[in-house]
Amino acid sequence: MKKNILSFLLSVIALTLQAQIYVNGHIAPFDSKTNTWLATIAENQFGKDNQLPVSLQDGWNKIVIDGNVVNSQYTFKQVNAKSRYETTVTDTKGNTIKGNIQFTFLPVVYLEGLFGYDYQRGTVTITIPNEQGNDYVLSGRIKWRGKTTNTNDKHKRNYNIKLDTDTQLFDMRKDNNWMLDAGQPDVFRMRNRIAMDIWNDMASKPYYADKEPKARNGVRGYMVEVFLNNEYRGIYNLSEKLDRKQMKLKKVDESGNIHGVLYKGITWDDVSMNDSIYNYDNYANNLLGYEVKYPEPYEDCDSTDWKPLVDANNNIIILCYNDEEFEKQIEQWLDVPVMIDYSIFLSSVNALDNSGKNMFWAIYDKETSNRMTLAPWDLDLTFGQRWGGILATEKNDHTSPEYFTDVVIAGFFNFHRTNALHYNDRLNERYQELRQNGNVLSTESLIERFTKYYNAIKNSGAAQRETDKWSGDSDIWGEEINFDKEYEYICDWITKHLEAVDKKGFPVLYDKEYMDSIFARIDNKIIINKSDNHVYTLSGQRINSTNQLKHGVYIVNRKKVIY
């Protein structure tokens, strides 16, 4: 007990002694675990001598760097990722702190507050190196975010941030709603950001872009370094959120009428649209494997509306059993150009966790059209990374460059099976276009993207700080963080995987035998087509409307089927 009290008192004393240093007009956050202040300067200042303004917060009156008393400026010699400048600061009572100053050219985000599963008040300070002496000091509410990454045993947390005022960060949208993604399951930490950049650059605009030219079906973001209450927490992706505002869906009107809707697949339960949905509750946030994102009941309006998703799901299934009607009607329900790009994207980056789950479905205005468009989310499990963090060990492993993935949703299956609207031909044409030299899916372009991010975190020193902080942590199943090794692995994986996709051609996953087996499984839960006019109960009663149908066995064209 005495030991615990002593530890608490020492931690309180340490907190009171943490001096705030300002370098080049920016706050240099302090890491009490390593006694390090992290200062920010522009990338083009690395590798040079830099004479910079240095100051202290009130209550501290002396700073010594590398044995030199500093008055207002100090020349930091040959700043680079490995530079360490021994520093001592003294307050007016003679108390001192000894540590060192390091530099980064990445933006730094400093969170202050006590955060958990529920929103709590806090402050966010954002330092952008190229903007001398212009830190963003913002207040708002902050909480942990995520599901599997947000259990009691997790350490490197993700954060949702709701600022008190709308703020424009970098070249992203002006908004109050932001997120910090830890890249927790990814030993490279940046797959989600890089994969989303690729999607942003290749995705077709949603079908309503003529009405909403600023609509985005992806999010922008920047890699930053994060501190929490005087502790370094590592590399994060500071990002916009994929929501109604990002996709420019029509809002609930003043009369409370719902127009735009947004849903997200959060589990693998019934998000493949292979089964009809019969019941739903507009006062519930969840339906089977889906979560409603807009409108949320009791938040955006009194209730939500699951009917557009249910209608789309059920009608797509019905159309899958009539090839002629499928080709005529499917574009009423699905945004085909975005579907094509999504299928190519998933197969090219091998997004193992985004084939139903971690997909957003959006309808711009259900009063005018139930057509659904889509967008990806949580792209950590890409480019050879998988659940459990285990890298490829054999050819048939899911992380293998020879492994293919695609969307396992009924509408996608049927497009591949029937080649309706020349879907497979359009897939291959679009893939070839994206694969041309210099285009977004060329091997050189993909490797160049990873190289840019890799060089940024390595040359800024962030890679080493991340490694020192998190390598071997249970969040990544005790695996080593080794950015050099992982970068080489990813570059090799990209080269081999795209060669395999080139050789296979689209569709990469669906040969006839595979598709027949899928539809045979669906046939066991056959849906009676609205056009069937010879449907009877087992007792011989004629069914004249699908509204009369309940779960059970019926006679259709002299055969027993299950509804």
Protein backbone atom coordinates (compact mmCIF):
# COMPACT_ATOMS: atom_id res chain seq x y z
CA MET A 1 0.00 0.00 0.00
CA LYS A 2 2.80 2.40 0.92
CA LYS A 3 4.50 1.61 -2.39
CA ASN A 4 1.33 2.48 -4.35
CA ILE A 5 0.92 5.78 -2.47
CA LEU A 6 4.58 6.64 -3.10
CA SER A 7 4.22 5.86 -6.82
CA PHE A 8 1.14 8.08 -7.00
CA LEU A 9 2.89 10.97 -5.26
CA LEU A 10 5.90 10.65 -7.54
CA SER A 11 3.67 10.71 -10.61
CA VAL A 12 1.92 13.85 -9.34
CA ILE A 13 5.29 15.51 -8.70
CA ALA A 14 6.49 14.50 -12.17
CA LEU A 15 3.38 16.03 -13.75
CA THR A 16 3.91 19.31 -11.94
CA LEU A 17 7.52 19.42 -13.08
CA GLN A 18 6.92 18.90 -16.80
CA ALA A 19 8.04 22.09 -18.50
CA GLN A 20 6.55 23.16 -21.79
CA ILE A 21 9.16 24.17 -24.36
CA TYR A 22 8.35 26.15 -27.50
CA VAL A 23 10.65 25.70 -30.50
CA ASN A 24 10.21 27.80 -33.62
CA GLY A 25 6.96 29.09 -32.14
CA HIS A 26 5.47 25.59 -31.82
CA ILE A 27 4.71 23.59 -28.70
CA ALA A 28 7.18 20.72 -28.27
CA PRO A 29 5.18 18.04 -26.37
CA PHE A 30 7.01 16.16 -23.61
CA ASP A 31 7.19 12.37 -23.30
CA SER A 32 7.60 11.58 -19.61
CA LYS A 33 8.52 7.94 -20.40
CA THR A 34 11.70 8.91 -22.26
CA ASN A 35 12.18 12.51 -21.03
CA THR A 36 11.98 13.78 -24.60
CA TRP A 37 10.54 16.96 -26.10
CA LEU A 38 9.50 16.52 -29.75
CA ALA A 39 9.84 19.70 -31.81
CA THR A 40 8.54 20.21 -35.35
CA ILE A 41 10.20 21.90 -38.30
CA ALA A 42 9.65 21.72 -42.05
CA GLU A 43 11.10 18.77 -43.93
CA ASN A 44 13.41 20.99 -45.97
CA GLN A 45 15.07 22.11 -42.72
CA PHE A 46 16.28 18.57 -41.96
CA GLY A 47 19.96 17.95 -42.69
CA LYS A 48 20.85 21.59 -41.93
CA ASP A 49 21.86 23.86 -39.06
CA ASN A 50 18.75 25.67 -37.85
CA GLN A 51 18.75 28.79 -35.73
CA LEU A 52 15.33 28.70 -34.07
CA PRO A 53 13.44 30.68 -31.42
CA VAL A 54 13.28 28.79 -28.09
CA SER A 55 11.12 29.77 -25.12
CA LEU A 56 9.51 28.36 -21.96
CA GLN A 57 6.06 28.50 -20.45
CA ASP A 58 5.44 30.75 -17.44
CA GLY A 59 7.09 29.54 -14.24
CA TRP A 60 10.22 28.26 -15.98
CA ASN A 61 13.04 30.69 -16.44
CA LYS A 62 16.15 28.86 -17.62
CA ILE A 63 16.93 26.42 -20.41
CA VAL A 64 20.32 24.89 -21.22
CA ILE A 65 20.85 22.98 -24.48
CA ASP A 66 24.04 20.97 -25.00
CA GLY A 67 25.68 22.97 -22.18
CA ASN A 68 24.69 26.38 -23.60
CA VAL A 69 22.37 28.75 -21.74
CA VAL A 70 19.66 29.81 -24.21
CA ASN A 71 18.18 33.30 -24.10
CA SER A 72 15.81 33.46 -27.05
CA GLN A 73 17.36 31.48 -29.91
CA TYR A 74 19.53 28.43 -30.38
CA THR A 75 21.30 26.94 -33.38
CA PHE A 76 20.52 23.22 -33.63
CA LYS A 77 23.37 21.63 -35.59
CA GLN A 78 22.61 19.26 -38.48
CA VAL A 79 19.06 18.34 -37.52
CA ASN A 80 18.03 14.84 -38.56
CA ALA A 81 16.04 11.85 -37.34
CA LYS A 82 18.83 10.72 -35.01
CA SER A 83 19.69 14.12 -33.53
CA ARG A 84 19.49 14.44 -29.74
CA TYR A 85 20.06 17.75 -27.96
CA GLU A 86 20.65 17.39 -24.22
CA THR A 87 18.38 19.82 -22.45
CA THR A 88 17.88 21.02 -18.88
CA VAL A 89 15.10 23.37 -17.79
CA THR A 90 14.83 25.07 -14.39
CA ASP A 91 11.84 26.73 -12.75
CA THR A 92 11.76 29.76 -10.46
CA LYS A 93 12.09 27.52 -7.39
CA GLY A 94 15.21 25.79 -8.67
CA ASN A 95 13.51 22.52 -9.74
CA THR A 96 15.01 21.00 -12.88
CA ILE A 97 14.09 18.53 -15.58
CA LYS A 98 16.71 16.85 -17.72
CA GLY A 99 15.98 15.29 -21.08
CA ASN A 100 16.61 15.81 -24.75
CA ILE A 101 15.02 17.58 -27.69
CA GLN A 102 14.31 15.61 -30.85
CA PHE A 103 12.85 16.81 -34.16
CA THR A 104 10.21 15.60 -36.59
CA PHE A 105 8.79 17.06 -39.78
CA LEU A 106 5.46 15.26 -39.36
CA PRO A 107 2.53 17.15 -37.84
CA VAL A 108 2.11 16.52 -34.11
CA VAL A 109 -1.23 16.13 -32.31
CA TYR A 110 -1.27 16.63 -28.54
CA LEU A 111 -4.35 15.38 -26.64
CA GLU A 112 -5.05 16.43 -23.06
CA GLY A 113 -7.80 14.84 -20.97
CA LEU A 114 -9.03 11.57 -19.46
CA PHE A 115 -10.72 9.56 -22.21
CA GLY A 116 -12.58 6.26 -22.38
CA TYR A 117 -15.57 4.63 -24.04
CA ASP A 118 -17.76 7.72 -23.60
CA TYR A 119 -17.11 11.26 -24.78
CA GLN A 120 -15.19 13.42 -22.30
CA ARG A 121 -14.05 17.03 -22.49
CA GLY A 122 -10.49 17.60 -23.65
CA THR A 123 -8.17 19.75 -25.71
CA VAL A 124 -6.41 19.06 -29.00
CA THR A 125 -3.28 20.93 -30.04
CA ILE A 126 -2.17 20.40 -33.64
CA THR A 127 1.26 21.54 -34.81
CA ILE A 128 1.83 21.82 -38.55
CA PRO A 129 5.58 22.19 -39.26
CA ASN A 130 5.29 24.47 -42.29
CA GLU A 131 3.16 27.00 -40.44
CA GLN A 132 5.61 28.84 -38.16
CA GLY A 133 4.17 29.65 -34.75
CA ASN A 134 0.61 28.75 -35.76
CA ASP A 135 -0.60 25.84 -33.62
CA TYR A 136 -4.25 24.89 -33.54
CA VAL A 137 -5.41 24.80 -29.90
CA LEU A 138 -8.93 23.37 -29.94
CA SER A 139 -11.42 22.12 -27.38
CA GLY A 140 -14.06 19.46 -27.71
CA ARG A 141 -15.19 15.99 -26.72
CA ILE A 142 -13.05 12.90 -27.28
CA LYS A 143 -13.54 9.15 -26.83
CA TRP A 144 -12.02 5.84 -27.84
CA ARG A 145 -13.36 4.41 -31.09
CA GLY A 146 -13.54 1.00 -32.76
CA LYS A 147 -14.86 -2.44 -31.92
CA THR A 148 -12.30 -5.26 -32.05
CA THR A 149 -9.56 -2.62 -31.64
CA ASN A 150 -11.27 -1.15 -28.57
CA THR A 151 -11.51 -3.93 -26.02
CA ASN A 152 -10.19 -3.74 -22.46
CA ASP A 153 -6.88 -5.39 -23.33
CA LYS A 154 -5.96 -2.95 -26.12
CA HIS A 155 -3.26 -0.33 -25.68
CA LYS A 156 -2.81 1.87 -28.74
CA ARG A 157 -6.30 3.39 -28.88
CA ASN A 158 -8.16 5.00 -31.75
CA TYR A 159 -9.98 8.27 -31.04
CA ASN A 160 -13.13 10.06 -32.17
CA ILE A 161 -12.89 13.84 -31.82
CA LYS A 162 -15.86 16.24 -31.85
CA LEU A 163 -14.53 19.79 -31.72
CA ASP A 164 -16.58 22.68 -30.38
CA THR A 165 -16.24 24.54 -33.66
CA ASP A 166 -15.82 23.56 -37.31
CA THR A 167 -12.14 23.71 -38.26
CA GLN A 168 -10.34 23.10 -41.53
CA LEU A 169 -7.26 20.95 -41.09
CA PHE A 170 -4.72 20.73 -43.93
CA ASP A 171 -6.66 20.58 -47.22
CA MET A 172 -9.46 18.47 -45.78
CA ARG A 173 -13.04 19.50 -45.19
CA LYS A 174 -14.02 22.16 -42.66
CA ASP A 175 -15.75 20.22 -39.92
CA ASN A 176 -15.85 19.46 -36.20
CA ASN A 177 -15.81 15.67 -36.53
CA TRP A 178 -12.42 13.95 -36.87
CA MET A 179 -10.76 10.66 -36.09
CA LEU A 180 -7.32 9.39 -35.14
CA ASP A 181 -6.65 5.90 -36.50
CA ALA A 182 -3.86 4.03 -34.71
CA GLY A 183 -3.32 1.41 -37.43
CA GLN A 184 -3.47 -0.96 -34.50
CA PRO A 185 -3.62 -4.38 -36.24
CA ASP A 186 -1.15 -3.35 -38.97
CA VAL A 187 2.58 -3.85 -38.41
CA PHE A 188 3.22 -1.16 -41.05
CA ARG A 189 0.68 1.19 -39.42
CA MET A 190 -0.14 2.93 -42.71
CA ARG A 191 -1.95 0.39 -44.91
CA ASN A 192 -5.35 1.90 -44.14
CA ARG A 193 -4.22 5.41 -45.11
CA ILE A 194 -2.40 4.32 -48.27
CA ALA A 195 -5.20 2.00 -49.46
CA MET A 196 -7.76 4.78 -48.94
CA ASP A 197 -5.55 7.18 -50.93
CA ILE A 198 -5.59 4.66 -53.77
CA TRP A 199 -9.38 4.36 -53.62
CA ASN A 200 -9.73 8.15 -53.60
CA ASP A 201 -7.63 8.38 -56.75
CA MET A 202 -9.38 5.63 -58.72
CA ALA A 203 -13.02 5.57 -57.61
CA SER A 204 -15.77 6.75 -59.92
CA LYS A 205 -17.95 9.52 -58.55
CA PRO A 206 -21.27 8.39 -57.03
CA TYR A 207 -24.30 8.40 -59.33
CA TYR A 208 -25.61 11.71 -57.97
CA ALA A 209 -22.38 13.67 -58.53
CA ASP A 210 -24.10 15.95 -61.02
CA LYS A 211 -26.26 17.21 -58.14
CA GLU A 212 -23.46 17.08 -55.54
CA PRO A 213 -20.09 17.65 -57.26
CA LYS A 214 -18.28 17.82 -53.89
CA ALA A 215 -19.51 14.37 -52.80
CA ARG A 216 -16.72 11.98 -51.78
CA ASN A 217 -16.96 8.20 -51.36
CA GLY A 218 -13.65 8.10 -49.47
CA VAL A 219 -11.83 10.11 -46.81
CA ARG A 220 -8.62 12.12 -46.84
CA GLY A 221 -6.06 12.00 -44.07
CA TYR A 222 -2.48 12.65 -42.95
CA MET A 223 0.03 10.69 -40.92
CA VAL A 224 0.80 12.47 -37.65
CA GLU A 225 2.55 11.75 -34.36
CA VAL A 226 0.35 11.76 -31.27
CA PHE A 227 0.94 12.58 -27.60
CA LEU A 228 -1.57 11.93 -24.84
CA ASN A 229 -1.09 13.69 -21.48
CA ASN A 230 2.69 13.91 -21.68
CA GLU A 231 3.16 10.46 -23.19
CA TYR A 232 4.19 9.69 -26.75
CA ARG A 233 1.60 7.40 -28.37
CA GLY A 234 3.01 6.94 -31.85
CA ILE A 235 2.08 7.24 -35.53
CA TYR A 236 -1.58 7.92 -36.31
CA ASN A 237 -3.74 8.70 -39.33
CA LEU A 238 -5.64 11.97 -38.73
CA SER A 239 -8.65 11.58 -40.99
CA GLU A 240 -12.02 12.83 -42.05
CA LYS A 241 -15.01 10.64 -41.28
CA LEU A 242 -17.12 8.85 -43.88
CA ASP A 243 -20.58 10.19 -43.10
CA ARG A 244 -23.57 11.96 -44.56
CA LYS A 245 -21.61 15.20 -44.88
CA GLN A 246 -18.70 13.53 -46.69
CA MET A 247 -21.01 11.79 -49.16
CA LYS A 248 -23.32 14.84 -49.44
CA LEU A 249 -26.49 12.83 -48.85
CA LYS A 250 -29.72 14.80 -48.52
CA LYS A 251 -30.55 15.69 -44.93
CA VAL A 252 -33.73 15.04 -43.00
CA ASP A 253 -35.97 17.98 -43.93
CA GLU A 254 -37.63 20.47 -41.59
CA SER A 255 -40.78 18.36 -41.46
CA GLY A 256 -38.78 15.34 -40.27
CA ASN A 257 -39.00 13.49 -43.60
CA ILE A 258 -36.01 11.22 -44.25
CA HIS A 259 -34.25 11.57 -47.60
CA GLY A 260 -30.62 10.34 -47.64
CA VAL A 261 -29.67 7.15 -45.79
CA LEU A 262 -26.32 5.57 -44.92
CA TYR A 263 -25.61 2.06 -43.62
CA LYS A 264 -22.43 0.19 -42.76
CA GLY A 265 -21.66 -3.54 -42.68
CA ILE A 266 -20.11 -4.15 -39.26
CA THR A 267 -20.15 -7.97 -39.06
CA TRP A 268 -20.31 -10.82 -41.54
CA ASP A 269 -23.90 -11.69 -40.53
CA ASP A 270 -26.20 -11.43 -43.56
CA VAL A 271 -24.37 -8.58 -45.26
CA SER A 272 -23.74 -10.60 -48.43
CA MET A 273 -27.34 -10.02 -49.60
CA ASN A 274 -27.87 -13.74 -50.21
CA ASP A 275 -30.91 -13.90 -47.88
CA SER A 276 -34.14 -11.92 -47.81
CA ILE A 277 -34.82 -9.60 -44.87
CA TYR A 278 -38.35 -9.81 -43.46
CA ASN A 279 -38.51 -7.74 -40.31
CA TYR A 280 -36.87 -4.52 -39.19
CA ASP A 281 -37.22 -1.92 -36.47
CA ASN A 282 -36.76 1.73 -37.43
CA TYR A 283 -35.97 2.57 -33.81
CA ALA A 284 -32.99 0.21 -33.76
CA ASN A 285 -29.40 1.13 -34.66
CA ASN A 286 -28.63 -2.34 -36.02
CA LEU A 287 -30.19 -4.78 -38.46
CA LEU A 288 -28.53 -8.19 -38.87
CA GLY A 289 -24.91 -7.29 -39.78
CA TYR A 290 -25.64 -3.64 -40.57
CA GLU A 291 -25.39 -0.48 -38.49
CA VAL A 292 -27.29 2.66 -39.45
CA LYS A 293 -25.05 5.71 -39.82
CA TYR A 294 -27.68 8.19 -41.01
CA PRO A 295 -30.18 9.07 -39.83
CA GLU A 296 -29.59 7.69 -36.34
CA PRO A 297 -32.78 7.26 -34.29
CA TYR A 298 -33.19 9.88 -31.55
CA GLU A 299 -30.11 11.72 -32.83
CA ASP A 300 -30.89 12.98 -36.32
CA CYS A 301 -34.65 12.45 -36.06
CA ASP A 302 -37.19 10.32 -34.16
CA SER A 303 -36.39 7.15 -36.09
CA THR A 304 -34.25 5.85 -38.92
CA ASP A 305 -35.40 4.09 -42.09
CA TRP A 306 -34.24 0.55 -42.88
CA LYS A 307 -36.76 0.07 -45.70
CA PRO A 308 -34.52 1.34 -48.56
CA LEU A 309 -31.81 -1.19 -47.64
CA VAL A 310 -34.34 -4.00 -47.16
CA ASP A 311 -36.04 -3.27 -50.47
CA ALA A 312 -32.74 -3.14 -52.33
CA ASN A 313 -31.55 -6.37 -50.69
CA ASN A 314 -34.75 -8.31 -51.44
CA ASN A 315 -35.20 -7.03 -54.99
CA ILE A 316 -31.58 -7.76 -55.93
CA ILE A 317 -32.05 -11.35 -54.76
CA ILE A 318 -35.25 -11.71 -56.80
CA LEU A 319 -33.55 -10.30 -59.89
CA CYS A 320 -30.74 -12.84 -59.54
CA TYR A 321 -33.24 -15.53 -60.60
CA ASN A 322 -34.32 -13.82 -63.82
CA ASP A 323 -31.38 -12.96 -66.02
CA GLU A 324 -33.39 -10.83 -68.43
CA GLU A 325 -34.95 -8.72 -65.67
CA PHE A 326 -31.62 -8.50 -63.86
CA GLU A 327 -30.07 -6.77 -66.86
CA LYS A 328 -33.07 -4.48 -67.28
CA GLN A 329 -33.54 -3.44 -63.68
CA ILE A 330 -30.30 -3.82 -61.70
CA GLU A 331 -29.11 -0.26 -62.34
CA GLN A 332 -32.20 0.94 -60.47
CA TRP A 333 -30.66 -0.59 -57.36
CA LEU A 334 -26.86 -0.47 -57.74
CA ASP A 335 -24.30 2.14 -58.81
CA VAL A 336 -22.57 -0.02 -61.40
CA PRO A 337 -19.50 2.16 -62.25
CA VAL A 338 -18.61 2.39 -58.55
CA MET A 339 -19.22 -1.37 -58.20
CA ILE A 340 -16.73 -2.03 -61.00
CA ASP A 341 -14.08 0.13 -59.39
CA TYR A 342 -14.73 -1.41 -55.97
CA SER A 343 -14.33 -4.95 -57.30
CA ILE A 344 -11.04 -4.02 -59.00
CA PHE A 345 -9.85 -2.19 -55.90
CA LEU A 346 -10.56 -5.08 -53.52
CA SER A 347 -8.85 -7.59 -55.79
CA SER A 348 -5.84 -5.36 -56.44
CA VAL A 349 -5.07 -4.54 -52.79
CA ASN A 350 -6.45 -7.88 -51.53
CA ALA A 351 -8.77 -6.28 -48.98
CA LEU A 352 -9.68 -9.35 -46.95
CA ASP A 353 -12.06 -7.63 -44.53
CA ASN A 354 -14.06 -5.45 -46.93
CA SER A 355 -16.24 -7.83 -48.89
CA GLY A 356 -19.58 -7.05 -47.25
CA LYS A 357 -18.28 -6.10 -43.83
CA ASN A 358 -16.55 -2.70 -43.64
CA MET A 359 -18.61 -1.43 -46.57
CA PHE A 360 -20.83 1.65 -46.54
CA TRP A 361 -24.07 1.65 -48.54
CA ALA A 362 -25.58 5.05 -49.32
CA ILE A 363 -28.73 6.34 -51.01
CA TYR A 364 -28.71 10.01 -51.94
CA ASP A 365 -32.46 10.65 -51.69
CA LYS A 366 -34.86 7.74 -51.29
CA GLU A 367 -37.74 9.95 -52.37
CA THR A 368 -36.34 10.03 -55.91
CA SER A 369 -34.34 6.78 -56.17
CA ASN A 370 -33.41 3.72 -54.10
CA ARG A 371 -30.16 3.31 -56.03
CA MET A 372 -27.31 2.39 -53.68
CA THR A 373 -23.69 3.41 -54.01
CA LEU A 374 -20.87 2.14 -51.84
CA ALA A 375 -17.59 3.03 -50.16
CA PRO A 376 -14.86 1.11 -48.27
CA TRP A 377 -13.75 1.48 -44.66
CA ASP A 378 -11.05 0.07 -42.33
CA LEU A 379 -8.51 -1.04 -44.93
CA ASP A 380 -5.82 -2.34 -42.56
CA LEU A 381 -6.04 -5.91 -43.86
CA THR A 382 -4.60 -5.18 -47.29
CA PHE A 383 -1.31 -5.71 -49.15
CA GLY A 384 -0.50 -9.02 -47.48
CA GLN A 385 -1.66 -8.22 -43.95
CA ARG A 386 -4.37 -10.35 -42.34
CA TRP A 387 -6.20 -11.08 -39.11
CA GLY A 388 -3.68 -11.96 -36.42
CA GLY A 389 -0.94 -10.03 -38.18
CA ILE A 390 0.68 -13.19 -39.53
CA LEU A 391 2.59 -12.71 -42.78
CA ALA A 392 2.55 -15.14 -45.68
CA THR A 393 4.21 -18.46 -45.00
CA GLU A 394 2.81 -20.57 -47.81
CA LYS A 395 1.29 -20.09 -51.25
CA ASN A 396 -2.29 -20.85 -50.24
CA ASP A 397 -2.23 -18.52 -47.27
CA HIS A 398 -4.62 -15.55 -47.47
CA THR A 399 -1.67 -13.18 -47.41
CA SER A 400 -0.04 -14.86 -50.36
CA PRO A 401 0.39 -12.77 -53.54
CA GLU A 402 -1.37 -15.60 -55.40
CA TYR A 403 -4.50 -15.34 -53.24
CA PHE A 404 -7.52 -13.51 -54.72
CA THR A 405 -10.41 -11.80 -52.99
CA ASP A 406 -13.50 -10.03 -54.31
CA VAL A 407 -16.95 -8.95 -53.16
CA VAL A 408 -19.09 -11.90 -52.00
CA ILE A 409 -22.45 -10.20 -52.48
CA ALA A 410 -25.33 -11.59 -54.55
CA GLY A 411 -25.47 -8.72 -57.04
CA PHE A 412 -21.74 -8.95 -57.73
CA PHE A 413 -22.01 -12.73 -58.18
CA ASN A 414 -24.78 -12.42 -60.69
CA PHE A 415 -22.98 -9.78 -62.73
CA HIS A 416 -20.03 -12.15 -63.03
CA ARG A 417 -22.27 -15.12 -63.81
CA THR A 418 -24.33 -13.41 -66.51
CA ASN A 419 -21.96 -10.69 -67.76
CA ALA A 420 -25.04 -8.43 -67.72
CA LEU A 421 -24.40 -4.94 -69.10
CA HIS A 422 -21.05 -6.36 -70.32
CA TYR A 423 -19.93 -6.15 -66.70
CA ASN A 424 -16.94 -8.51 -66.92
CA ASP A 425 -15.74 -6.85 -70.12
CA ARG A 426 -15.99 -3.44 -68.47
CA LEU A 427 -14.10 -4.79 -65.45
CA ASN A 428 -11.19 -5.89 -67.59
CA GLU A 429 -11.16 -2.69 -69.64
CA ARG A 430 -11.20 -0.54 -66.52
CA TYR A 431 -8.50 -2.65 -64.87
CA GLN A 432 -6.24 -2.35 -67.90
CA GLU A 433 -6.74 1.41 -67.90
CA LEU A 434 -5.80 1.68 -64.22
CA ARG A 435 -2.79 -0.62 -64.71
CA GLN A 436 -1.19 1.46 -67.47
CA ASN A 437 2.18 3.02 -66.63
CA GLY A 438 1.77 6.02 -64.40
CA ASN A 439 -1.86 5.23 -63.54
CA VAL A 440 -3.02 4.49 -60.03
CA LEU A 441 -2.67 0.68 -60.17
CA SER A 442 0.59 0.44 -62.06
CA THR A 443 3.18 -1.48 -60.07
CA GLU A 444 5.52 1.51 -60.10
CA SER A 445 2.78 3.86 -58.85
CA LEU A 446 1.80 1.57 -55.98
CA ILE A 447 5.39 1.06 -54.85
CA GLU A 448 6.08 4.78 -55.19
CA ARG A 449 3.14 5.47 -52.86
CA PHE A 450 4.45 3.15 -50.17
CA THR A 451 7.96 4.53 -50.65
CA LYS A 452 6.76 8.08 -50.05
CA TYR A 453 5.07 7.18 -46.77
CA TYR A 454 7.93 4.92 -45.68
CA ASN A 455 10.52 7.64 -46.30
CA ALA A 456 8.43 10.18 -44.41
CA ILE A 457 8.18 8.17 -41.21
CA LYS A 458 11.76 6.92 -41.41
CA ASN A 459 13.44 10.23 -42.25
CA SER A 460 11.39 12.09 -39.63
CA GLY A 461 12.36 9.61 -36.91
CA ALA A 462 8.74 8.55 -36.38
CA ALA A 463 9.45 4.96 -37.46
CA GLN A 464 12.04 4.51 -34.72
CA ARG A 465 9.81 6.12 -32.10
CA GLU A 466 6.91 3.85 -33.13
CA THR A 467 9.16 0.80 -32.98
CA ASP A 468 10.51 1.72 -29.55
CA LYS A 469 6.98 2.28 -28.25
CA TRP A 470 4.97 -0.61 -29.67
CA SER A 471 7.17 -3.39 -31.08
CA GLY A 472 6.22 -6.70 -29.48
CA ASP A 473 3.00 -5.34 -27.94
CA SER A 474 0.03 -7.67 -27.53
CA ASP A 475 -2.03 -5.38 -29.83
CA ILE A 476 0.01 -6.86 -32.69
CA TRP A 477 0.15 -10.34 -31.18
CA GLY A 478 3.68 -9.85 -29.88
CA GLU A 479 5.09 -9.34 -33.37
CA GLU A 480 8.13 -7.21 -34.08
CA ILE A 481 7.67 -3.83 -35.75
CA ASN A 482 10.34 -3.56 -38.41
CA PHE A 483 9.49 -0.94 -41.01
CA ASP A 484 12.47 -1.75 -43.25
CA LYS A 485 11.53 -5.42 -43.41
CA GLU A 486 7.84 -4.69 -43.87
CA TYR A 487 8.46 -2.18 -46.65
CA GLU A 488 10.51 -4.73 -48.59
CA TYR A 489 7.82 -7.35 -48.03
CA ILE A 490 5.04 -5.06 -49.31
CA CYS A 491 6.97 -4.03 -52.43
CA ASP A 492 7.63 -7.67 -53.27
CA TRP A 493 3.99 -8.58 -52.55
CA ILE A 494 2.69 -5.80 -54.84
CA THR A 495 4.87 -6.94 -57.75
CA LYS A 496 3.89 -10.60 -57.45
CA HIS A 497 0.21 -10.03 -56.69
CA LEU A 498 -0.44 -7.70 -59.62
CA GLU A 499 1.35 -10.13 -61.92
CA ALA A 500 -1.03 -12.84 -60.66
CA VAL A 501 -4.09 -10.61 -61.24
CA ASP A 502 -2.83 -9.72 -64.73
CA LYS A 503 -2.53 -13.40 -65.54
CA LYS A 504 -5.93 -14.35 -64.10
CA GLY A 505 -8.01 -11.46 -65.46
CA PHE A 506 -11.43 -10.45 -64.14
CA PRO A 507 -13.40 -11.84 -62.53
CA VAL A 508 -10.51 -13.14 -60.44
CA LEU A 509 -12.56 -15.29 -58.11
CA TYR A 510 -15.58 -16.64 -59.90
CA ASP A 511 -15.30 -19.58 -62.23
CA LYS A 512 -18.54 -21.31 -63.24
CA GLU A 513 -18.14 -24.20 -60.79
CA TYR A 514 -17.67 -21.79 -57.90
CA MET A 515 -20.66 -19.63 -58.86
CA ASP A 516 -22.92 -22.66 -59.37
CA SER A 517 -22.05 -23.86 -55.86
CA ILE A 518 -22.95 -20.44 -54.43
CA PHE A 519 -26.27 -20.29 -56.22
CA ALA A 520 -27.05 -23.88 -55.24
CA ARG A 521 -26.65 -22.77 -51.62
CA ILE A 522 -28.94 -19.81 -52.18
CA ASP A 523 -31.47 -22.05 -53.96
CA ASN A 524 -31.97 -23.93 -50.69
CA LYS A 525 -33.63 -20.73 -49.43
CA ILE A 526 -35.31 -19.92 -52.73
CA ILE A 527 -37.18 -16.63 -53.07
CA ILE A 528 -40.46 -16.71 -54.96
CA ASN A 529 -40.28 -14.22 -57.82
CA LYS A 530 -43.03 -11.62 -57.96
CA SER A 531 -43.68 -12.71 -61.55
CA ASP A 532 -44.51 -16.29 -60.48
CA ASN A 533 -48.29 -16.65 -60.92
CA HIS A 534 -48.61 -20.31 -59.97
CA VAL A 535 -47.82 -20.37 -56.26
CA TYR A 536 -49.87 -22.65 -53.95
CA THR A 537 -49.83 -23.71 -50.33
CA LEU A 538 -49.34 -27.43 -49.59
CA SER A 539 -53.11 -27.64 -49.10
CA GLY A 540 -53.66 -26.32 -52.64
CA GLN A 541 -54.70 -22.72 -51.87
CA ARG A 542 -53.65 -20.25 -54.60
CA ILE A 543 -51.36 -17.38 -53.45
CA ASN A 544 -52.24 -14.25 -55.42
CA SER A 545 -49.88 -11.78 -53.74
CA THR A 546 -46.40 -12.04 -52.24
CA ASN A 547 -47.88 -10.17 -49.25
CA GLN A 548 -49.67 -13.42 -48.37
CA LEU A 549 -46.43 -15.37 -48.15
CA LYS A 550 -45.07 -16.43 -44.77
CA HIS A 551 -42.12 -18.61 -43.86
CA GLY A 552 -42.79 -22.13 -45.06
CA VAL A 553 -42.99 -24.59 -47.95
CA TYR A 554 -44.96 -23.82 -51.14
CA ILE A 555 -45.66 -25.41 -54.51
CA VAL A 556 -44.20 -23.43 -57.43
CA ASN A 557 -44.51 -24.90 -60.93
CA ARG A 558 -45.26 -28.31 -59.40
CA LYS A 559 -42.13 -28.23 -57.21
CA LYS A 560 -41.79 -27.77 -53.46
CA VAL A 561 -39.76 -24.71 -52.52
CA ILE A 562 -38.84 -23.07 -49.22
CA TYR A 563 -39.73 -19.42 -48.66
